Amino acid sequence: MLSGCSSKEPAGTRVTVSDFRYVQLPDGERQFMGRLHNKTKQTIPYAQIDVALYNRSGVQVGRRKIAVEKIPANGSAPFKRSVSTDASVDGARVESVLIP
């Protein structure tokens, strides 16, 4: 599980990301998938996941943002986003989670 953070609280106190995957589907489409967990007693209306993209050599070749809406209190929400880039991407890592 990857920890999230906000500007007002220490990392991992409000949200975590689990089951994060970067996959290529049979039709060639590439996607990020995973779950964002809300560890608070209030619904989080919006969160933004910042993901770094890496090539085969481990060099960062880009970044993407994933919006997740309505994460229920003490619950979780799935997310999925298509990856559109001309760069050769062989891996991805969650860098942070922003909760405005």
N, C-alpha and C. Protein backbone atom coordinates (compact mmCIF):
# COMPACT_ATOMS: atom_id res chain seq x y z
N MET A 1 0.84 -1.17 0.00
CA MET A 1 0.00 0.00 0.00
C MET A 1 0.89 1.24 0.00
N LEU A 2 0.58 2.23 -0.81
CA LEU A 2 1.35 3.45 -0.89
C LEU A 2 0.66 4.55 -0.10
N SER A 3 1.42 5.34 0.62
CA SER A 3 0.85 6.40 1.43
C SER A 3 0.55 7.62 0.60
N GLY A 4 -0.49 8.32 0.97
CA GLY A 4 -0.83 9.59 0.35
C GLY A 4 -0.45 10.71 1.29
N CYS A 5 -0.58 11.94 0.82
CA CYS A 5 -0.26 13.05 1.69
C CYS A 5 -1.09 14.26 1.31
N SER A 6 -1.17 15.21 2.20
CA SER A 6 -1.80 16.50 1.93
C SER A 6 -0.89 17.56 2.49
N SER A 7 -1.19 18.80 2.22
CA SER A 7 -0.32 19.87 2.71
C SER A 7 -0.55 20.17 4.18
N LYS A 8 -1.62 19.66 4.78
CA LYS A 8 -1.96 20.01 6.16
C LYS A 8 -1.71 18.88 7.15
N GLU A 9 -1.50 17.67 6.70
CA GLU A 9 -1.33 16.54 7.61
C GLU A 9 -0.16 15.68 7.16
N PRO A 10 0.45 14.94 8.09
CA PRO A 10 1.55 14.05 7.70
C PRO A 10 1.09 13.01 6.69
N ALA A 11 2.04 12.55 5.88
CA ALA A 11 1.74 11.54 4.86
C ALA A 11 1.09 10.32 5.47
N GLY A 12 0.10 9.80 4.78
CA GLY A 12 -0.53 8.56 5.20
C GLY A 12 -1.62 8.69 6.24
N THR A 13 -1.90 9.90 6.72
CA THR A 13 -2.92 10.02 7.75
C THR A 13 -4.33 10.07 7.20
N ARG A 14 -4.49 10.46 5.92
CA ARG A 14 -5.83 10.61 5.36
C ARG A 14 -6.17 9.59 4.28
N VAL A 15 -5.22 9.27 3.42
CA VAL A 15 -5.49 8.38 2.29
C VAL A 15 -4.33 7.43 2.03
N THR A 16 -4.64 6.31 1.39
CA THR A 16 -3.62 5.39 0.88
C THR A 16 -4.07 4.88 -0.48
N VAL A 17 -3.10 4.49 -1.28
CA VAL A 17 -3.37 3.90 -2.59
C VAL A 17 -2.99 2.43 -2.50
N SER A 18 -3.87 1.56 -3.01
CA SER A 18 -3.56 0.13 -3.04
C SER A 18 -3.86 -0.43 -4.43
N ASP A 19 -3.32 -1.60 -4.69
CA ASP A 19 -3.56 -2.32 -5.95
C ASP A 19 -3.23 -1.48 -7.19
N PHE A 20 -2.26 -0.55 -7.07
CA PHE A 20 -1.90 0.29 -8.21
C PHE A 20 -1.23 -0.57 -9.28
N ARG A 21 -1.73 -0.44 -10.51
CA ARG A 21 -1.19 -1.19 -11.63
C ARG A 21 -1.11 -0.31 -12.88
N TYR A 22 -0.09 -0.55 -13.67
CA TYR A 22 0.02 0.03 -15.00
C TYR A 22 -0.05 -1.16 -15.95
N VAL A 23 -1.09 -1.20 -16.79
CA VAL A 23 -1.31 -2.37 -17.64
C VAL A 23 -1.50 -1.96 -19.10
N GLN A 24 -1.16 -2.90 -19.98
CA GLN A 24 -1.47 -2.74 -21.39
C GLN A 24 -2.51 -3.78 -21.74
N LEU A 25 -3.65 -3.33 -22.24
CA LEU A 25 -4.76 -4.21 -22.59
C LEU A 25 -4.49 -4.89 -23.93
N PRO A 26 -5.22 -5.97 -24.24
CA PRO A 26 -5.01 -6.68 -25.51
C PRO A 26 -5.14 -5.80 -26.75
N ASP A 27 -5.96 -4.74 -26.65
CA ASP A 27 -6.12 -3.85 -27.81
C ASP A 27 -5.02 -2.79 -27.90
N GLY A 28 -4.04 -2.84 -26.97
CA GLY A 28 -2.92 -1.90 -26.98
C GLY A 28 -3.11 -0.70 -26.07
N GLU A 29 -4.33 -0.47 -25.60
CA GLU A 29 -4.56 0.66 -24.69
C GLU A 29 -3.81 0.43 -23.38
N ARG A 30 -3.20 1.50 -22.86
CA ARG A 30 -2.49 1.44 -21.58
C ARG A 30 -3.29 2.18 -20.53
N GLN A 31 -3.35 1.61 -19.32
CA GLN A 31 -4.16 2.21 -18.25
C GLN A 31 -3.46 2.12 -16.90
N PHE A 32 -3.79 3.09 -16.05
CA PHE A 32 -3.50 3.01 -14.62
C PHE A 32 -4.77 2.52 -13.95
N MET A 33 -4.64 1.66 -12.95
CA MET A 33 -5.79 1.18 -12.18
C MET A 33 -5.36 1.06 -10.72
N GLY A 34 -6.32 1.17 -9.83
CA GLY A 34 -6.04 0.99 -8.41
C GLY A 34 -7.22 1.40 -7.56
N ARG A 35 -6.94 1.57 -6.26
CA ARG A 35 -7.96 1.96 -5.29
C ARG A 35 -7.39 3.03 -4.39
N LEU A 36 -8.21 4.04 -4.11
CA LEU A 36 -7.84 5.09 -3.17
C LEU A 36 -8.67 4.90 -1.91
N HIS A 37 -8.00 4.75 -0.77
CA HIS A 37 -8.66 4.50 0.51
C HIS A 37 -8.69 5.78 1.34
N ASN A 38 -9.86 6.09 1.86
CA ASN A 38 -10.09 7.25 2.71
C ASN A 38 -10.10 6.77 4.16
N LYS A 39 -9.15 7.22 4.97
CA LYS A 39 -9.08 6.78 6.35
C LYS A 39 -9.70 7.79 7.32
N THR A 40 -10.51 8.71 6.78
CA THR A 40 -11.14 9.72 7.64
C THR A 40 -12.62 9.41 7.85
N LYS A 41 -13.25 10.21 8.69
CA LYS A 41 -14.67 10.03 8.99
C LYS A 41 -15.56 10.89 8.10
N GLN A 42 -14.96 11.52 7.09
CA GLN A 42 -15.72 12.36 6.17
C GLN A 42 -15.44 11.95 4.72
N THR A 43 -16.45 12.06 3.88
CA THR A 43 -16.26 11.81 2.46
C THR A 43 -15.26 12.83 1.91
N ILE A 44 -14.35 12.36 1.08
CA ILE A 44 -13.43 13.26 0.38
C ILE A 44 -14.02 13.49 -1.00
N PRO A 45 -14.42 14.74 -1.31
CA PRO A 45 -15.09 14.98 -2.58
C PRO A 45 -14.17 14.82 -3.80
N TYR A 46 -12.87 15.10 -3.63
CA TYR A 46 -11.95 15.06 -4.77
C TYR A 46 -10.53 14.84 -4.28
N ALA A 47 -9.80 14.00 -4.96
CA ALA A 47 -8.37 13.81 -4.71
C ALA A 47 -7.68 13.67 -6.06
N GLN A 48 -6.40 14.05 -6.09
CA GLN A 48 -5.63 13.96 -7.32
C GLN A 48 -4.37 13.14 -7.04
N ILE A 49 -4.20 12.06 -7.79
CA ILE A 49 -3.04 11.19 -7.65
C ILE A 49 -2.00 11.60 -8.70
N ASP A 50 -0.77 11.83 -8.26
CA ASP A 50 0.32 12.20 -9.14
C ASP A 50 1.17 10.95 -9.41
N VAL A 51 1.31 10.58 -10.68
CA VAL A 51 2.00 9.35 -11.07
C VAL A 51 3.19 9.70 -11.96
N ALA A 52 4.36 9.13 -11.65
CA ALA A 52 5.54 9.28 -12.48
C ALA A 52 5.64 8.09 -13.44
N LEU A 53 6.02 8.37 -14.69
CA LEU A 53 6.17 7.34 -15.73
C LEU A 53 7.65 7.09 -15.97
N TYR A 54 8.03 5.81 -16.14
CA TYR A 54 9.43 5.45 -16.32
C TYR A 54 9.62 4.58 -17.55
N ASN A 55 10.79 4.72 -18.19
CA ASN A 55 11.11 3.86 -19.32
C ASN A 55 11.83 2.60 -18.82
N ARG A 56 12.24 1.75 -19.72
CA ARG A 56 12.89 0.48 -19.38
C ARG A 56 14.17 0.67 -18.56
N SER A 57 14.86 1.79 -18.76
CA SER A 57 16.11 2.07 -18.05
C SER A 57 15.88 2.69 -16.68
N GLY A 58 14.62 2.95 -16.34
CA GLY A 58 14.30 3.57 -15.04
C GLY A 58 14.37 5.08 -15.05
N VAL A 59 14.45 5.66 -16.23
CA VAL A 59 14.48 7.11 -16.37
C VAL A 59 13.05 7.63 -16.44
N GLN A 60 12.77 8.67 -15.66
CA GLN A 60 11.42 9.24 -15.69
C GLN A 60 11.19 9.92 -17.03
N VAL A 61 10.06 9.56 -17.69
CA VAL A 61 9.74 10.10 -19.01
C VAL A 61 8.46 10.92 -19.02
N GLY A 62 7.86 11.12 -17.86
CA GLY A 62 6.65 11.92 -17.81
C GLY A 62 5.93 11.78 -16.48
N ARG A 63 4.85 12.52 -16.37
CA ARG A 63 3.99 12.47 -15.18
C ARG A 63 2.55 12.57 -15.65
N ARG A 64 1.66 12.00 -14.88
CA ARG A 64 0.23 12.09 -15.16
C ARG A 64 -0.51 12.32 -13.86
N LYS A 65 -1.67 12.94 -13.96
CA LYS A 65 -2.55 13.16 -12.82
C LYS A 65 -3.79 12.30 -13.02
N ILE A 66 -4.27 11.73 -11.92
CA ILE A 66 -5.49 10.92 -11.95
C ILE A 66 -6.46 11.53 -10.94
N ALA A 67 -7.63 11.94 -11.40
CA ALA A 67 -8.66 12.49 -10.53
C ALA A 67 -9.53 11.36 -9.99
N VAL A 68 -9.79 11.41 -8.69
CA VAL A 68 -10.69 10.45 -8.05
C VAL A 68 -11.73 11.27 -7.29
N GLU A 69 -13.00 10.97 -7.49
CA GLU A 69 -14.07 11.74 -6.86
C GLU A 69 -14.87 10.88 -5.89
N LYS A 70 -15.39 11.55 -4.88
CA LYS A 70 -16.33 10.96 -3.91
C LYS A 70 -15.79 9.68 -3.26
N ILE A 71 -14.71 9.83 -2.50
CA ILE A 71 -14.16 8.68 -1.77
C ILE A 71 -14.89 8.65 -0.42
N PRO A 72 -15.69 7.61 -0.17
CA PRO A 72 -16.53 7.60 1.04
C PRO A 72 -15.71 7.54 2.33
N ALA A 73 -16.31 8.08 3.39
CA ALA A 73 -15.68 8.04 4.71
C ALA A 73 -15.36 6.60 5.09
N ASN A 74 -14.15 6.38 5.59
CA ASN A 74 -13.70 5.04 5.99
C ASN A 74 -13.94 4.00 4.90
N GLY A 75 -13.85 4.43 3.65
CA GLY A 75 -14.09 3.52 2.53
C GLY A 75 -13.04 3.72 1.45
N SER A 76 -13.37 3.28 0.25
CA SER A 76 -12.44 3.41 -0.86
C SER A 76 -13.19 3.60 -2.17
N ALA A 77 -12.44 4.03 -3.17
CA ALA A 77 -13.01 4.22 -4.51
C ALA A 77 -12.00 3.71 -5.53
N PRO A 78 -12.48 2.96 -6.53
CA PRO A 78 -11.56 2.52 -7.58
C PRO A 78 -11.24 3.68 -8.52
N PHE A 79 -10.09 3.59 -9.17
CA PHE A 79 -9.78 4.57 -10.21
C PHE A 79 -9.18 3.84 -11.40
N LYS A 80 -9.36 4.47 -12.57
CA LYS A 80 -8.81 3.93 -13.81
C LYS A 80 -8.64 5.11 -14.75
N ARG A 81 -7.50 5.17 -15.42
CA ARG A 81 -7.25 6.25 -16.38
C ARG A 81 -6.41 5.73 -17.52
N SER A 82 -6.81 6.05 -18.73
CA SER A 82 -6.02 5.71 -19.90
C SER A 82 -4.75 6.56 -19.93
N VAL A 83 -3.69 5.98 -20.43
CA VAL A 83 -2.40 6.66 -20.53
C VAL A 83 -2.16 6.97 -22.00
N SER A 84 -2.06 8.25 -22.31
CA SER A 84 -1.81 8.67 -23.67
C SER A 84 -0.47 9.40 -23.71
N THR A 85 0.52 8.77 -24.32
CA THR A 85 1.83 9.38 -24.46
C THR A 85 2.57 8.70 -25.59
N ASP A 86 3.47 9.45 -26.23
CA ASP A 86 4.31 8.88 -27.27
C ASP A 86 5.57 8.26 -26.68
N ALA A 87 5.84 8.54 -25.41
CA ALA A 87 7.04 8.02 -24.75
C ALA A 87 6.92 6.50 -24.55
N SER A 88 8.05 5.84 -24.53
CA SER A 88 8.09 4.42 -24.24
C SER A 88 8.01 4.26 -22.72
N VAL A 89 6.86 3.81 -22.23
CA VAL A 89 6.63 3.69 -20.79
C VAL A 89 6.61 2.22 -20.41
N ASP A 90 7.46 1.86 -19.47
CA ASP A 90 7.54 0.47 -19.02
C ASP A 90 7.16 0.31 -17.56
N GLY A 91 6.90 1.42 -16.88
CA GLY A 91 6.52 1.34 -15.48
C GLY A 91 5.99 2.68 -14.99
N ALA A 92 5.36 2.65 -13.82
CA ALA A 92 4.79 3.86 -13.24
C ALA A 92 4.80 3.73 -11.73
N ARG A 93 4.84 4.88 -11.04
CA ARG A 93 4.84 4.88 -9.58
C ARG A 93 4.04 6.06 -9.07
N VAL A 94 3.21 5.81 -8.06
CA VAL A 94 2.48 6.90 -7.40
C VAL A 94 3.49 7.73 -6.61
N GLU A 95 3.51 9.03 -6.87
CA GLU A 95 4.41 9.94 -6.17
C GLU A 95 3.73 10.62 -4.99
N SER A 96 2.46 11.00 -5.17
CA SER A 96 1.75 11.70 -4.09
C SER A 96 0.27 11.71 -4.37
N VAL A 97 -0.49 12.08 -3.34
CA VAL A 97 -1.93 12.27 -3.46
C VAL A 97 -2.24 13.64 -2.87
N LEU A 98 -2.91 14.48 -3.66
CA LEU A 98 -3.28 15.82 -3.22
C LEU A 98 -4.76 15.83 -2.90
N ILE A 99 -5.09 16.35 -1.72
CA ILE A 99 -6.49 16.55 -1.35
C ILE A 99 -6.65 18.04 -1.10
N PRO A 100 -7.30 18.75 -2.03
CA PRO A 100 -7.44 20.21 -1.89
C PRO A 100 -8.22 20.61 -0.64
